[in-house]
């Protein structure tokens, strides 16, 4: 069973990707200097009020890289989405393809 932090991060990634287009459209309108000032200000106001308009964990800054097994946020090997502790355990057990213990 995944930890609560892992589930929360998965939900945040899903919700953020769903609302990404809408946020990008508002940002584009707010920054387009060819549009009238009133339209740009309205888009900027909607972006500022997005805390009430969009769900709580929908902001892209709510997404943190976490280990998919343990939920740890530090010591992450991002290519495998595993913390260094879980990575080492799985590598020594032979569960990661192409990963060997190095010898020099």
PDB file of N, CA and C in Angstrom:
ATOM      1  N   UNK A   1       0.841  -1.178   0.000  1.00  0.00           N
ATOM      2  CA  UNK A   1       0.000   0.000   0.000  1.00  0.00           C
ATOM      3  C   UNK A   1       0.889   1.245   0.000  1.00  0.00           C
ATOM      4  N   UNK A   2       0.720   2.134  -0.963  1.00  0.00           N
ATOM      5  CA  UNK A   2       1.541   3.352  -0.989  1.00  0.00           C
ATOM      6  C   UNK A   2       1.220   4.268   0.185  1.00  0.00           C
ATOM      7  N   UNK A   3       2.224   5.046   0.541  1.00  0.00           N
ATOM      8  CA  UNK A   3       2.045   5.994   1.629  1.00  0.00           C
ATOM      9  C   UNK A   3       1.132   7.140   1.196  1.00  0.00           C
ATOM     10  N   UNK A   4       0.646   7.873   2.167  1.00  0.00           N
ATOM     11  CA  UNK A   4      -0.249   8.995   1.902  1.00  0.00           C
ATOM     12  C   UNK A   4       0.438  10.058   1.061  1.00  0.00           C
ATOM     13  N   UNK A   5       1.736  10.300   1.325  1.00  0.00           N
ATOM     14  CA  UNK A   5       2.457  11.323   0.579  1.00  0.00           C
ATOM     15  C   UNK A   5       2.573  10.960  -0.896  1.00  0.00           C
ATOM     16  N   UNK A   6       2.748   9.662  -1.179  1.00  0.00           N
ATOM     17  CA  UNK A   6       2.842   9.208  -2.565  1.00  0.00           C
ATOM     18  C   UNK A   6       1.504   9.394  -3.263  1.00  0.00           C
ATOM     19  N   UNK A   7       0.434   9.040  -2.586  1.00  0.00           N
ATOM     20  CA  UNK A   7      -0.902   9.203  -3.172  1.00  0.00           C
ATOM     21  C   UNK A   7      -1.227  10.678  -3.401  1.00  0.00           C
ATOM     22  N   UNK A   8      -0.873  11.543  -2.438  1.00  0.00           N
ATOM     23  CA  UNK A   8      -1.125  12.971  -2.581  1.00  0.00           C
ATOM     24  C   UNK A   8      -0.354  13.541  -3.760  1.00  0.00           C
ATOM     25  N   UNK A   9       0.893  13.073  -3.937  1.00  0.00           N
ATOM     26  CA  UNK A   9       1.702  13.553  -5.051  1.00  0.00           C
ATOM     27  C   UNK A   9       1.141  13.073  -6.387  1.00  0.00           C
ATOM     28  N   UNK A  10       0.647  11.841  -6.428  1.00  0.00           N
ATOM     29  CA  UNK A  10       0.023  11.334  -7.670  1.00  0.00           C
ATOM     30  C   UNK A  10      -1.210  12.155  -8.032  1.00  0.00           C
ATOM     31  N   UNK A  11      -2.021  12.473  -7.028  1.00  0.00           N
ATOM     32  CA  UNK A  11      -3.218  13.280  -7.268  1.00  0.00           C
ATOM     33  C   UNK A  11      -2.822  14.673  -7.748  1.00  0.00           C
ATOM     34  N   UNK A  12      -1.795  15.256  -7.128  1.00  0.00           N
ATOM     35  CA  UNK A  12      -1.350  16.589  -7.519  1.00  0.00           C
ATOM     36  C   UNK A  12      -0.845  16.590  -8.957  1.00  0.00           C
ATOM     37  N   UNK A  13      -0.113  15.551  -9.348  1.00  0.00           N
ATOM     38  CA  UNK A  13       0.378  15.458 -10.730  1.00  0.00           C
ATOM     39  C   UNK A  13      -0.779  15.348 -11.715  1.00  0.00           C
ATOM     40  N   UNK A  14      -1.781  14.545 -11.383  1.00  0.00           N
ATOM     41  CA  UNK A  14      -2.923  14.362 -12.274  1.00  0.00           C
ATOM     42  C   UNK A  14      -3.729  15.651 -12.412  1.00  0.00           C
ATOM     43  N   UNK A  15      -4.058  16.272 -11.296  1.00  0.00           N
ATOM     44  CA  UNK A  15      -4.873  17.490 -11.315  1.00  0.00           C
ATOM     45  C   UNK A  15      -4.113  18.619 -12.001  1.00  0.00           C
ATOM     46  N   UNK A  16      -2.820  18.712 -11.737  1.00  0.00           N
ATOM     47  CA  UNK A  16      -2.004  19.759 -12.353  1.00  0.00           C
ATOM     48  C   UNK A  16      -1.960  19.602 -13.864  1.00  0.00           C
ATOM     49  N   UNK A  17      -1.824  18.365 -14.338  1.00  0.00           N
ATOM     50  CA  UNK A  17      -1.786  18.142 -15.786  1.00  0.00           C
ATOM     51  C   UNK A  17      -3.138  18.425 -16.435  1.00  0.00           C
ATOM     52  N   UNK A  18      -4.219  18.174 -15.694  1.00  0.00           N
ATOM     53  CA  UNK A  18      -5.556  18.440 -16.228  1.00  0.00           C
ATOM     54  C   UNK A  18      -5.801  19.947 -16.398  1.00  0.00           C
ATOM     55  N   UNK A  19      -5.316  20.745 -15.471  1.00  0.00           N
ATOM     56  CA  UNK A  19      -5.583  22.183 -15.488  1.00  0.00           C
ATOM     57  C   UNK A  19      -4.440  23.000 -16.097  1.00  0.00           C
ATOM     58  N   UNK A  20      -3.430  22.325 -16.618  1.00  0.00           N
ATOM     59  CA  UNK A  20      -2.265  23.028 -17.161  1.00  0.00           C
ATOM     60  C   UNK A  20      -2.629  23.915 -18.347  1.00  0.00           C
ATOM     61  N   UNK A  21      -3.476  23.426 -19.229  1.00  0.00           N
ATOM     62  CA  UNK A  21      -3.866  24.199 -20.417  1.00  0.00           C
ATOM     63  C   UNK A  21      -4.601  25.477 -20.038  1.00  0.00           C
ATOM     64  N   UNK A  22      -5.493  25.374 -19.072  1.00  0.00           N
ATOM     65  CA  UNK A  22      -6.267  26.543 -18.667  1.00  0.00           C
ATOM     66  C   UNK A  22      -5.369  27.610 -18.034  1.00  0.00           C
ATOM     67  N   UNK A  23      -4.443  27.175 -17.179  1.00  0.00           N
ATOM     68  CA  UNK A  23      -3.499  28.123 -16.578  1.00  0.00           C
ATOM     69  C   UNK A  23      -2.607  28.759 -17.643  1.00  0.00           C
ATOM     70  N   UNK A  24      -2.134  27.947 -18.596  1.00  0.00           N
ATOM     71  CA  UNK A  24      -1.264  28.467 -19.653  1.00  0.00           C
ATOM     72  C   UNK A  24      -2.008  29.480 -20.518  1.00  0.00           C
ATOM     73  N   UNK A  25      -3.283  29.221 -20.806  1.00  0.00           N
ATOM     74  CA  UNK A  25      -4.068  30.162 -21.611  1.00  0.00           C
ATOM     75  C   UNK A  25      -4.232  31.497 -20.880  1.00  0.00           C
ATOM     76  N   UNK A  26      -4.503  31.434 -19.588  1.00  0.00           N
ATOM     77  CA  UNK A  26      -4.637  32.681 -18.819  1.00  0.00           C
ATOM     78  C   UNK A  26      -3.310  33.437 -18.772  1.00  0.00           C
ATOM     79  N   UNK A  27      -2.198  32.695 -18.608  1.00  0.00           N
ATOM     80  CA  UNK A  27      -0.885  33.337 -18.585  1.00  0.00           C
ATOM     81  C   UNK A  27      -0.572  33.988 -19.923  1.00  0.00           C
ATOM     82  N   UNK A  28      -0.925  33.315 -21.005  1.00  0.00           N
ATOM     83  CA  UNK A  28      -0.667  33.837 -22.346  1.00  0.00           C
ATOM     84  C   UNK A  28      -1.445  35.126 -22.593  1.00  0.00           C
ATOM     85  N   UNK A  29      -2.710  35.147 -22.197  1.00  0.00           N
ATOM     86  CA  UNK A  29      -3.527  36.349 -22.373  1.00  0.00           C
ATOM     87  C   UNK A  29      -3.001  37.482 -21.496  1.00  0.00           C
ATOM     88  N   UNK A  30      -2.586  37.159 -20.272  1.00  0.00           N
ATOM     89  CA  UNK A  30      -2.114  38.199 -19.355  1.00  0.00           C
ATOM     90  C   UNK A  30      -0.815  38.833 -19.835  1.00  0.00           C
ATOM     91  N   UNK A  31       0.011  38.098 -20.573  1.00  0.00           N
ATOM     92  CA  UNK A  31       1.312  38.617 -21.011  1.00  0.00           C
ATOM     93  C   UNK A  31       1.320  39.161 -22.443  1.00  0.00           C
ATOM     94  N   UNK A  32       0.221  39.001 -23.179  1.00  0.00           N
ATOM     95  CA  UNK A  32       0.177  39.444 -24.562  1.00  0.00           C
ATOM     96  C   UNK A  32      -0.050  40.949 -24.618  1.00  0.00           C
ATOM     97  N   UNK A  33       0.950  41.680 -25.034  1.00  0.00           N
ATOM     98  CA  UNK A  33       0.849  43.147 -25.058  1.00  0.00           C
ATOM     99  C   UNK A  33       0.013  43.654 -26.230  1.00  0.00           C
ATOM    100  N   UNK A  34      -0.361  42.785 -27.157  1.00  0.00           N
ATOM    101  CA  UNK A  34      -1.189  43.194 -28.279  1.00  0.00           C
ATOM    102  C   UNK A  34      -2.660  43.296 -27.914  1.00  0.00           C
ATOM    103  N   UNK A  35      -3.039  42.742 -26.777  1.00  0.00           N
ATOM    104  CA  UNK A  35      -4.433  42.784 -26.334  1.00  0.00           C
ATOM    105  C   UNK A  35      -4.691  44.048 -25.523  1.00  0.00           C
ATOM    106  N   UNK A  36      -5.946  44.461 -25.440  1.00  0.00           N
ATOM    107  CA  UNK A  36      -6.273  45.640 -24.630  1.00  0.00           C
ATOM    108  C   UNK A  36      -5.934  45.418 -23.150  1.00  0.00           C
ATOM    109  N   UNK A  37      -5.660  46.496 -22.472  1.00  0.00           N
ATOM    110  CA  UNK A  37      -5.240  46.429 -21.075  1.00  0.00           C
ATOM    111  C   UNK A  37      -6.322  45.816 -20.184  1.00  0.00           C
ATOM    112  N   UNK A  38      -7.584  46.105 -20.483  1.00  0.00           N
ATOM    113  CA  UNK A  38      -8.679  45.577 -19.663  1.00  0.00           C
ATOM    114  C   UNK A  38      -8.727  44.050 -19.719  1.00  0.00           C
ATOM    115  N   UNK A  39      -8.496  43.484 -20.907  1.00  0.00           N
ATOM    116  CA  UNK A  39      -8.512  42.021 -21.067  1.00  0.00           C
ATOM    117  C   UNK A  39      -7.340  41.403 -20.317  1.00  0.00           C
ATOM    118  N   UNK A  40      -6.172  42.050 -20.439  1.00  0.00           N
ATOM    119  CA  UNK A  40      -4.977  41.530 -19.759  1.00  0.00           C
ATOM    120  C   UNK A  40      -5.131  41.584 -18.243  1.00  0.00           C
ATOM    121  N   UNK A  41      -5.715  42.674 -17.742  1.00  0.00           N
ATOM    122  CA  UNK A  41      -5.924  42.797 -16.299  1.00  0.00           C
ATOM    123  C   UNK A  41      -6.930  41.770 -15.786  1.00  0.00           C
ATOM    124  N   UNK A  42      -7.964  41.520 -16.578  1.00  0.00           N
ATOM    125  CA  UNK A  42      -8.951  40.514 -16.175  1.00  0.00           C
ATOM    126  C   UNK A  42      -8.327  39.129 -16.095  1.00  0.00           C
ATOM    127  N   UNK A  43      -7.476  38.778 -17.076  1.00  0.00           N
ATOM    128  CA  UNK A  43      -6.795  37.482 -17.050  1.00  0.00           C
ATOM    129  C   UNK A  43      -5.830  37.411 -15.871  1.00  0.00           C
ATOM    130  N   UNK A  44      -5.151  38.515 -15.601  1.00  0.00           N
ATOM    131  CA  UNK A  44      -4.225  38.559 -14.476  1.00  0.00           C
ATOM    132  C   UNK A  44      -4.970  38.414 -13.151  1.00  0.00           C
ATOM    133  N   UNK A  45      -6.141  39.009 -13.054  1.00  0.00           N
ATOM    134  CA  UNK A  45      -6.956  38.896 -11.851  1.00  0.00           C
ATOM    135  C   UNK A  45      -7.433  37.462 -11.663  1.00  0.00           C
ATOM    136  N   UNK A  46      -7.816  36.811 -12.747  1.00  0.00           N
ATOM    137  CA  UNK A  46      -8.240  35.413 -12.657  1.00  0.00           C
ATOM    138  C   UNK A  46      -7.085  34.513 -12.235  1.00  0.00           C
ATOM    139  N   UNK A  47      -5.894  34.816 -12.713  1.00  0.00           N
ATOM    140  CA  UNK A  47      -4.724  34.044 -12.280  1.00  0.00           C
ATOM    141  C   UNK A  47      -4.457  34.253 -10.795  1.00  0.00           C
ATOM    142  N   UNK A  48      -4.580  35.471 -10.330  1.00  0.00           N
ATOM    143  CA  UNK A  48      -4.333  35.773  -8.922  1.00  0.00           C
ATOM    144  C   UNK A  48      -5.392  35.131  -8.027  1.00  0.00           C
ATOM    145  N   UNK A  49      -6.602  35.051  -8.518  1.00  0.00           N
ATOM    146  CA  UNK A  49      -7.693  34.460  -7.742  1.00  0.00           C
ATOM    147  C   UNK A  49      -7.811  32.961  -7.993  1.00  0.00           C
ATOM    148  N   UNK A  50      -6.797  32.364  -8.570  1.00  0.00           N
ATOM    149  CA  UNK A  50      -6.883  30.944  -8.915  1.00  0.00           C
ATOM    150  C   UNK A  50      -6.893  30.051  -7.692  1.00  0.00           C
ATOM    151  N   UNK A  51      -6.518  30.576  -6.528  1.00  0.00           N
ATOM    152  CA  UNK A  51      -6.554  29.771  -5.313  1.00  0.00           C
ATOM    153  C   UNK A  51      -7.989  29.335  -5.010  1.00  0.00           C
ATOM    154  N   UNK A  52      -8.936  30.206  -5.261  1.00  0.00           N
ATOM    155  CA  UNK A  52     -10.333  29.858  -5.016  1.00  0.00           C
ATOM    156  C   UNK A  52     -10.947  29.140  -6.213  1.00  0.00           C
ATOM    157  N   UNK A  53     -10.381  29.361  -7.387  1.00  0.00           N
ATOM    158  CA  UNK A  53     -10.975  28.822  -8.613  1.00  0.00           C
ATOM    159  C   UNK A  53     -10.526  27.399  -8.905  1.00  0.00           C
ATOM    160  N   UNK A  54      -9.254  27.118  -8.666  1.00  0.00           N
ATOM    161  CA  UNK A  54      -8.711  25.798  -8.942  1.00  0.00           C
ATOM    162  C   UNK A  54      -8.616  24.989  -7.647  1.00  0.00           C
ATOM    163  N   UNK A  55      -8.576  23.659  -7.747  1.00  0.00           N
ATOM    164  CA  UNK A  55      -8.452  22.833  -6.544  1.00  0.00           C
ATOM    165  C   UNK A  55      -7.147  23.108  -5.786  1.00  0.00           C
ATOM    166  N   UNK A  56      -7.086  22.619  -4.580  1.00  0.00           N
ATOM    167  CA  UNK A  56      -6.001  22.953  -3.662  1.00  0.00           C
ATOM    168  C   UNK A  56      -4.627  22.523  -4.170  1.00  0.00           C
ATOM    169  N   UNK A  57      -4.471  21.302  -4.605  1.00  0.00           N
ATOM    170  CA  UNK A  57      -3.159  20.784  -4.995  1.00  0.00           C
ATOM    171  C   UNK A  57      -2.950  20.825  -6.507  1.00  0.00           C
ATOM    172  N   UNK A  58      -3.578  21.776  -7.187  1.00  0.00           N
ATOM    173  CA  UNK A  58      -3.485  21.799  -8.644  1.00  0.00           C
ATOM    174  C   UNK A  58      -2.322  22.630  -9.161  1.00  0.00           C
ATOM    175  N   UNK A  59      -1.655  23.376  -8.318  1.00  0.00           N
ATOM    176  CA  UNK A  59      -0.546  24.213  -8.762  1.00  0.00           C
ATOM    177  C   UNK A  59       0.669  23.339  -9.075  1.00  0.00           C
ATOM    178  N   UNK A  60       1.410  23.686 -10.127  1.00  0.00           N
ATOM    179  CA  UNK A  60       2.593  22.886 -10.457  1.00  0.00           C
ATOM    180  C   UNK A  60       3.651  22.879  -9.356  1.00  0.00           C
ATOM    181  N   UNK A  61       3.670  23.897  -8.501  1.00  0.00           N
ATOM    182  CA  UNK A  61       4.646  23.910  -7.409  1.00  0.00           C
ATOM    183  C   UNK A  61       4.293  22.929  -6.308  1.00  0.00           C
ATOM    184  N   UNK A  62       3.100  22.342  -6.344  1.00  0.00           N
ATOM    185  CA  UNK A  62       2.706  21.354  -5.340  1.00  0.00           C
ATOM    186  C   UNK A  62       3.292  19.982  -5.637  1.00  0.00           C
ATOM    187  N   UNK A  63       3.939  19.840  -6.780  1.00  0.00           N
ATOM    188  CA  UNK A  63       4.482  18.548  -7.175  1.00  0.00           C
ATOM    189  C   UNK A  63       5.914  18.434  -6.681  1.00  0.00           C
ATOM    190  N   UNK A  64       6.199  17.356  -5.949  1.00  0.00           N
ATOM    191  CA  UNK A  64       7.547  17.085  -5.469  1.00  0.00           C
ATOM    192  C   UNK A  64       7.957  15.715  -5.973  1.00  0.00           C
ATOM    193  N   UNK A  65       9.221  15.572  -6.323  1.00  0.00           N
ATOM    194  CA  UNK A  65       9.717  14.267  -6.713  1.00  0.00           C
ATOM    195  C   UNK A  65       9.832  13.396  -5.473  1.00  0.00           C
ATOM    196  N   UNK A  66       9.196  12.252  -5.496  1.00  0.00           N
ATOM    197  CA  UNK A  66       9.199  11.344  -4.361  1.00  0.00           C
ATOM    198  C   UNK A  66       9.488   9.928  -4.827  1.00  0.00           C
ATOM    199  N   UNK A  67      10.000   9.141  -3.897  1.00  0.00           N
ATOM    200  CA  UNK A  67      10.243   7.727  -4.161  1.00  0.00           C
ATOM    201  C   UNK A  67       8.895   7.038  -4.347  1.00  0.00           C
ATOM    202  N   UNK A  68       8.787   6.222  -5.383  1.00  0.00           N
ATOM    203  CA  UNK A  68       7.512   5.561  -5.651  1.00  0.00           C
ATOM    204  C   UNK A  68       7.243   4.413  -4.687  1.00  0.00           C
ATOM    205  N   UNK A  69       8.252   3.947  -3.957  1.00  0.00           N
ATOM    206  CA  UNK A  69       8.074   2.857  -3.003  1.00  0.00           C
ATOM    207  C   UNK A  69       7.850   3.371  -1.583  1.00  0.00           C
ATOM    208  N   UNK A  70       8.754   4.239  -1.123  1.00  0.00           N
ATOM    209  CA  UNK A  70       8.715   4.646   0.278  1.00  0.00           C
ATOM    210  C   UNK A  70       8.116   6.028   0.494  1.00  0.00           C
ATOM    211  N   UNK A  71       8.065   6.873  -0.520  1.00  0.00           N
ATOM    212  CA  UNK A  71       7.525   8.208  -0.370  1.00  0.00           C
ATOM    213  C   UNK A  71       8.541   9.227   0.102  1.00  0.00           C
ATOM    214  N   UNK A  72       9.806   8.840   0.235  1.00  0.00           N
ATOM    215  CA  UNK A  72      10.841   9.779   0.676  1.00  0.00           C
ATOM    216  C   UNK A  72      11.064  10.835  -0.393  1.00  0.00           C
ATOM    217  N   UNK A  73      11.340  12.065   0.055  1.00  0.00           N
ATOM    218  CA  UNK A  73      11.537  13.142  -0.903  1.00  0.00           C
ATOM    219  C   UNK A  73      13.006  13.501  -1.077  1.00  0.00           C
ATOM    220  N   UNK A  74      13.864  12.966  -0.231  1.00  0.00           N
ATOM    221  CA  UNK A  74      15.293  13.274  -0.328  1.00  0.00           C
ATOM    222  C   UNK A  74      16.072  12.037  -0.730  1.00  0.00           C
ATOM    223  N   UNK A  75      17.239  12.270  -1.320  1.00  0.00           N
ATOM    224  CA  UNK A  75      18.077  11.159  -1.738  1.00  0.00           C
ATOM    225  C   UNK A  75      17.451  10.375  -2.878  1.00  0.00           C
ATOM    226  N   UNK A  76      16.856  11.084  -3.817  1.00  0.00           N
ATOM    227  CA  UNK A  76      16.108  10.450  -4.894  1.00  0.00           C
ATOM    228  C   UNK A  76      16.983  10.263  -6.127  1.00  0.00           C
ATOM    229  N   UNK A  77      16.949   9.082  -6.698  1.00  0.00           N
ATOM    230  CA  UNK A  77      17.581   8.828  -7.989  1.00  0.00           C
ATOM    231  C   UNK A  77      16.465   8.942  -9.010  1.00  0.00           C
ATOM    232  N   UNK A  78      16.433  10.084  -9.699  1.00  0.00           N
ATOM    233  CA  UNK A  78      15.258  10.434 -10.490  1.00  0.00           C
ATOM    234  C   UNK A  78      15.066   9.546 -11.713  1.00  0.00           C
ATOM    235  N   UNK A  79      16.122   8.949 -12.235  1.00  0.00           N
ATOM    236  CA  UNK A  79      15.964   8.087 -13.405  1.00  0.00           C
ATOM    237  C   UNK A  79      15.121   6.858 -13.077  1.00  0.00           C
ATOM    238  N   UNK A  80      15.153   6.423 -11.823  1.00  0.00           N
ATOM    239  CA  UNK A  80      14.398   5.240 -11.406  1.00  0.00           C
ATOM    240  C   UNK A  80      13.219   5.593 -10.509  1.00  0.00           C
ATOM    241  N   UNK A  81      13.103   6.879 -10.108  1.00  0.00           N
ATOM    242  CA  UNK A  81      12.073   7.346  -9.186  1.00  0.00           C
ATOM    243  C   UNK A  81      12.085   6.548  -7.883  1.00  0.00           C
ATOM    244  N   UNK A  82      13.309   6.282  -7.398  1.00  0.00           N
ATOM    245  CA  UNK A  82      13.493   5.554  -6.151  1.00  0.00           C
ATOM    246  C   UNK A  82      14.468   6.313  -5.268  1.00  0.00           C
ATOM    247  N   UNK A  83      14.286   6.187  -3.945  1.00  0.00           N
ATOM    248  CA  UNK A  83      15.263   6.768  -3.036  1.00  0.00           C
ATOM    249  C   UNK A  83      16.517   5.903  -3.083  1.00  0.00           C
ATOM    250  N   UNK A  84      17.623   6.462  -2.598  1.00  0.00           N
ATOM    251  CA  UNK A  84      18.882   5.738  -2.709  1.00  0.00           C
ATOM    252  C   UNK A  84      18.872   4.459  -1.877  1.00  0.00           C
ATOM    253  N   UNK A  85      18.121   4.439  -0.790  1.00  0.00           N
ATOM    254  CA  UNK A  85      18.047   3.238   0.043  1.00  0.00           C
ATOM    255  C   UNK A  85      17.287   2.133  -0.686  1.00  0.00           C
ATOM    256  N   UNK A  86      16.121   2.463  -1.225  1.00  0.00           N
ATOM    257  CA  UNK A  86      15.313   1.478  -1.951  1.00  0.00           C
ATOM    258  C   UNK A  86      16.040   1.050  -3.223  1.00  0.00           C
ATOM    259  N   UNK A  87      16.711   1.999  -3.891  1.00  0.00           N
ATOM    260  CA  UNK A  87      17.479   1.680  -5.094  1.00  0.00           C
ATOM    261  C   UNK A  87      18.544   0.644  -4.783  1.00  0.00           C
ATOM    262  N   UNK A  88      19.273   0.837  -3.690  1.00  0.00           N
ATOM    263  CA  UNK A  88      20.346  -0.090  -3.324  1.00  0.00           C
ATOM    264  C   UNK A  88      19.783  -1.473  -3.009  1.00  0.00           C
ATOM    265  N   UNK A  89      18.675  -1.520  -2.267  1.00  0.00           N
ATOM    266  CA  UNK A  89      18.059  -2.815  -1.939  1.00  0.00           C
ATOM    267  C   UNK A  89      17.618  -3.550  -3.193  1.00  0.00           C
ATOM    268  N   UNK A  90      16.966  -2.841  -4.108  1.00  0.00           N
ATOM    269  CA  UNK A  90      16.482  -3.480  -5.329  1.00  0.00           C
ATOM    270  C   UNK A  90      17.633  -3.877  -6.256  1.00  0.00           C
ATOM    271  N   UNK A  91      18.669  -3.041  -6.308  1.00  0.00           N
ATOM    272  CA  UNK A  91      19.816  -3.363  -7.163  1.00  0.00           C
ATOM    273  C   UNK A  91      20.541  -4.596  -6.650  1.00  0.00           C
ATOM    274  N   UNK A  92      20.730  -4.702  -5.353  1.00  0.00           N
ATOM    275  CA  UNK A  92      21.404  -5.874  -4.789  1.00  0.00           C
ATOM    276  C   UNK A  92      20.564  -7.136  -4.925  1.00  0.00           C
ATOM    277  N   UNK A  93      19.250  -6.980  -4.933  1.00  0.00           N
ATOM    278  CA  UNK A  93      18.359  -8.126  -5.107  1.00  0.00           C
ATOM    279  C   UNK A  93      18.214  -8.505  -6.579  1.00  0.00           C
ATOM    280  N   UNK A  94      18.743  -7.666  -7.483  1.00  0.00           N
ATOM    281  CA  UNK A  94      18.658  -7.958  -8.908  1.00  0.00           C
ATOM    282  C   UNK A  94      17.322  -7.619  -9.526  1.00  0.00           C
ATOM    283  N   UNK A  95      16.563  -6.730  -8.909  1.00  0.00           N
ATOM    284  CA  UNK A  95      15.230  -6.376  -9.403  1.00  0.00           C
ATOM    285  C   UNK A  95      15.248  -5.227 -10.409  1.00  0.00           C
ATOM    286  N   UNK A  96      16.407  -4.573 -10.589  1.00  0.00           N
ATOM    287  CA  UNK A  96      16.516  -3.468 -11.535  1.00  0.00           C
ATOM    288  C   UNK A  96      17.315  -3.939 -12.736  1.00  0.00           C
ATOM    289  N   UNK A  97      16.715  -3.951 -13.918  1.00  0.00           N
ATOM    290  CA  UNK A  97      17.450  -4.429 -15.096  1.00  0.00           C
ATOM    291  C   UNK A  97      18.569  -3.471 -15.495  1.00  0.00           C
ATOM    292  N   UNK A  98      19.731  -4.046 -15.790  1.00  0.00           N
ATOM    293  CA  UNK A  98      20.872  -3.261 -16.258  1.00  0.00           C
ATOM    294  C   UNK A  98      21.679  -2.604 -15.163  1.00  0.00           C
ATOM    295  N   UNK A  99      21.363  -2.847 -13.905  1.00  0.00           N
ATOM    296  CA  UNK A  99      22.081  -2.237 -12.798  1.00  0.00           C
ATOM    297  C   UNK A  99      22.916  -3.307 -12.115  1.00  0.00           C
ATOM    298  N   UNK A 100      24.224  -3.032 -11.992  1.00  0.00           N
ATOM    299  CA  UNK A 100      25.130  -3.942 -11.316  1.00  0.00           C
ATOM    300  C   UNK A 100      25.898  -3.184 -10.256  1.00  0.00           C
ATOM    301  N   UNK A 101      26.380  -3.927  -9.281  1.00  0.00           N
ATOM    302  CA  UNK A 101      27.262  -3.310  -8.285  1.00  0.00           C
ATOM    303  C   UNK A 101      28.598  -3.068  -8.951  1.00  0.00           C
ATOM    304  N   UNK A 102      29.102  -1.842  -8.825  1.00  0.00           N
ATOM    305  CA  UNK A 102      30.328  -1.503  -9.523  1.00  0.00           C
ATOM    306  C   UNK A 102      31.551  -2.014  -8.759  1.00  0.00           C
ATOM    307  N   UNK A 103      32.555  -2.376  -9.520  1.00  0.00           N
ATOM    308  CA  UNK A 103      33.832  -2.821  -8.959  1.00  0.00           C
ATOM    309  C   UNK A 103      34.922  -2.020  -9.623  1.00  0.00           C
ATOM    310  N   UNK A 104      35.857  -1.535  -8.845  1.00  0.00           N
ATOM    311  CA  UNK A 104      36.998  -0.837  -9.418  1.00  0.00           C
ATOM    312  C   UNK A 104      38.221  -1.048  -8.599  1.00  0.00           C
TER     313      UNK A 104
END
